[in-house]
C-alpha atoms as a PDB file:
ATOM      1  CA  MET A   1     -28.804 -25.582   4.474  1.00  0.00           C
ATOM      2  CA  PRO A   2     -31.993 -26.347   6.100  1.00  0.00           C
ATOM      3  CA  GLU A   3     -33.859 -29.479   4.663  1.00  0.00           C
ATOM      4  CA  ASP A   4     -36.951 -27.584   3.832  1.00  0.00           C
ATOM      5  CA  TYR A   5     -35.094 -25.009   1.737  1.00  0.00           C
ATOM      6  CA  VAL A   6     -33.323 -27.667  -0.616  1.00  0.00           C
ATOM      7  CA  GLY A   7     -34.858 -27.546  -4.015  1.00  0.00           C
ATOM      8  CA  ILE A   8     -36.376 -24.017  -3.559  1.00  0.00           C
ATOM      9  CA  ARG A   9     -33.583 -22.276  -5.318  1.00  0.00           C
ATOM     10  CA  SER A  10     -31.766 -24.362  -7.849  1.00  0.00           C
ATOM     11  CA  HIS A  11     -29.407 -21.367  -9.150  1.00  0.00           C
ATOM     12  CA  TRP A  12     -27.295 -19.468  -6.841  1.00  0.00           C
ATOM     13  CA  TRP A  13     -24.631 -16.783  -7.451  1.00  0.00           C
ATOM     14  CA  HIS A  14     -22.267 -14.379  -5.856  1.00  0.00           C
ATOM     15  CA  ILE A  15     -21.415 -10.943  -6.567  1.00  0.00           C
ATOM     16  CA  LEU A  16     -17.973  -9.446  -5.685  1.00  0.00           C
ATOM     17  CA  ALA A  17     -17.927  -5.615  -5.807  1.00  0.00           C
ATOM     18  CA  VAL A  18     -14.230  -4.228  -5.532  1.00  0.00           C
ATOM     19  CA  ILE A  19     -13.991  -0.574  -4.333  1.00  0.00           C
ATOM     20  CA  VAL A  20     -10.624   1.154  -5.068  1.00  0.00           C
ATOM     21  CA  PRO A  21     -10.706   4.562  -3.386  1.00  0.00           C
ATOM     22  CA  ASP A  22      -9.221   7.747  -4.980  1.00  0.00           C
ATOM     23  CA  ASN A  23      -7.305   8.441  -1.796  1.00  0.00           C
ATOM     24  CA  LEU A  24      -5.459   5.124  -1.964  1.00  0.00           C
ATOM     25  CA  LYS A  25      -2.539   4.977   0.430  1.00  0.00           C
ATOM     26  CA  GLU A  26       0.605   3.738  -1.091  1.00  0.00           C
ATOM     27  CA  ASP A  27       1.325   1.488   2.027  1.00  0.00           C
ATOM     28  CA  TYR A  28      -2.005  -0.214   1.171  1.00  0.00           C
ATOM     29  CA  ALA A  29      -1.785  -0.448  -2.597  1.00  0.00           C
ATOM     30  CA  SER A  30      -1.064  -4.257  -2.560  1.00  0.00           C
ATOM     31  CA  THR A  31      -3.381  -4.884   0.442  1.00  0.00           C
ATOM     32  CA  GLY A  32      -7.291  -5.481   0.607  1.00  0.00           C
ATOM     33  CA  GLY A  33     -10.097  -6.212   2.732  1.00  0.00           C
ATOM     34  CA  VAL A  34     -13.150  -8.406   2.194  1.00  0.00           C
ATOM     35  CA  TYR A  35     -16.609  -7.920   3.645  1.00  0.00           C
ATOM     36  CA  VAL A  36     -18.702 -11.052   3.257  1.00  0.00           C
ATOM     37  CA  THR A  37     -22.479 -10.701   3.641  1.00  0.00           C
ATOM     38  CA  GLY A  38     -25.524 -12.762   3.031  1.00  0.00           C
ATOM     39  CA  SER A  39     -28.418 -11.844   0.768  1.00  0.00           C
ATOM     40  CA  MET A  40     -31.087 -13.566  -1.319  1.00  0.00           C
ATOM     41  CA  ASN A  41     -30.058 -12.969  -4.955  1.00  0.00           C
ATOM     42  CA  GLU A  42     -33.073 -10.636  -5.191  1.00  0.00           C
ATOM     43  CA  TYR A  43     -31.705  -7.166  -6.371  1.00  0.00           C
ATOM     44  CA  ASN A  44     -34.467  -5.257  -8.142  1.00  0.00           C
ATOM     45  CA  ASP A  45     -33.159  -3.825 -11.391  1.00  0.00           C
ATOM     46  CA  GLU A  46     -32.927  -5.945 -14.525  1.00  0.00           C
ATOM     47  CA  THR A  47     -29.284  -6.595 -14.202  1.00  0.00           C
ATOM     48  CA  GLY A  48     -29.298  -8.337 -10.681  1.00  0.00           C
ATOM     49  CA  ILE A  49     -26.280  -6.248  -9.713  1.00  0.00           C
ATOM     50  CA  PRO A  50     -26.546  -4.052  -6.542  1.00  0.00           C
ATOM     51  CA  LEU A  51     -26.678  -0.331  -7.124  1.00  0.00           C
ATOM     52  CA  PRO A  52     -24.137   2.109  -5.524  1.00  0.00           C
ATOM     53  CA  THR A  53     -26.887   3.088  -3.167  1.00  0.00           C
ATOM     54  CA  ASP A  54     -27.084  -0.435  -1.635  1.00  0.00           C
ATOM     55  CA  SER A  55     -26.388  -0.587   2.009  1.00  0.00           C
ATOM     56  CA  HIS A  56     -23.604  -3.197   1.593  1.00  0.00           C
ATOM     57  CA  ILE A  57     -21.886  -1.142  -1.102  1.00  0.00           C
ATOM     58  CA  LYS A  58     -21.947   2.075   0.889  1.00  0.00           C
ATOM     59  CA  PHE A  59     -20.472   0.547   3.859  1.00  0.00           C
ATOM     60  CA  VAL A  60     -17.445  -0.993   1.866  1.00  0.00           C
ATOM     61  CA  SER A  61     -17.098   2.348   0.020  1.00  0.00           C
ATOM     62  CA  SER A  62     -17.018   4.010   3.435  1.00  0.00           C
ATOM     63  CA  LEU A  63     -14.372   1.465   4.611  1.00  0.00           C
ATOM     64  CA  ALA A  64     -12.268   1.889   1.562  1.00  0.00           C
ATOM     65  CA  THR A  65     -12.206   5.801   1.601  1.00  0.00           C
ATOM     66  CA  GLY A  66     -11.840   5.881   5.414  1.00  0.00           C
ATOM     67  CA  VAL A  67      -8.780   3.576   5.465  1.00  0.00           C
ATOM     68  CA  GLY A  68      -7.472   4.484   1.999  1.00  0.00           C
ATOM     69  CA  MET A  69      -7.420   0.821   1.067  1.00  0.00           C
ATOM     70  CA  PRO A  70      -9.093  -1.316  -1.449  1.00  0.00           C
ATOM     71  CA  PHE A  71     -12.029  -3.347  -0.063  1.00  0.00           C
ATOM     72  CA  ALA A  72     -14.470  -5.919  -1.644  1.00  0.00           C
ATOM     73  CA  ALA A  73     -18.025  -6.764  -0.800  1.00  0.00           C
ATOM     74  CA  LEU A  74     -18.745 -10.478  -1.368  1.00  0.00           C
ATOM     75  CA  LEU A  75     -22.595 -10.434  -1.528  1.00  0.00           C
ATOM     76  CA  GLN A  76     -25.237 -13.158  -1.338  1.00  0.00           C
ATOM     77  CA  VAL A  77     -23.385 -15.671   0.687  1.00  0.00           C
ATOM     78  CA  GLY A  78     -26.031 -17.888   2.205  1.00  0.00           C
ATOM     79  CA  ILE A  79     -25.136 -18.790   5.930  1.00  0.00           C
ATOM     80  CA  TRP A  80     -27.203 -21.218   7.846  1.00  0.00           C
ATOM     81  CA  ILE A  81     -26.476 -22.011  11.508  1.00  0.00           C
ATOM     82  CA  HIS A  82     -27.656 -25.266  12.689  1.00  0.00           C
ATOM     83  CA  LYS A  83     -27.641 -26.717  16.206  1.00  0.00           C
ATOM     84  CA  VAL A  84     -25.713 -30.007  16.263  1.00  0.00           C
ATOM     85  CA  LYS A  85     -26.973 -32.761  18.567  1.00  0.00           C
ATOM     86  CA  THR A  86     -24.135 -33.952  20.794  1.00  0.00           C
END
């Protein structure tokens, strides 16, 4: 985490949304995929939970129904890339 970001946000949480499609294929019933993405803990409704219209949820839903396999979206994973001096 960048030094100038430390202390700005004292609480952080993650949301795992699991999508099990109606067209679940028997071969994939015990298999699943995970899509990990960043966000800033700022969903606008009062629950703080993304709606089905959220772009990440729609993407994972299309993966699940397209493949016929359960998929999950792990949301709000902060990722920072830093250059390391060598």
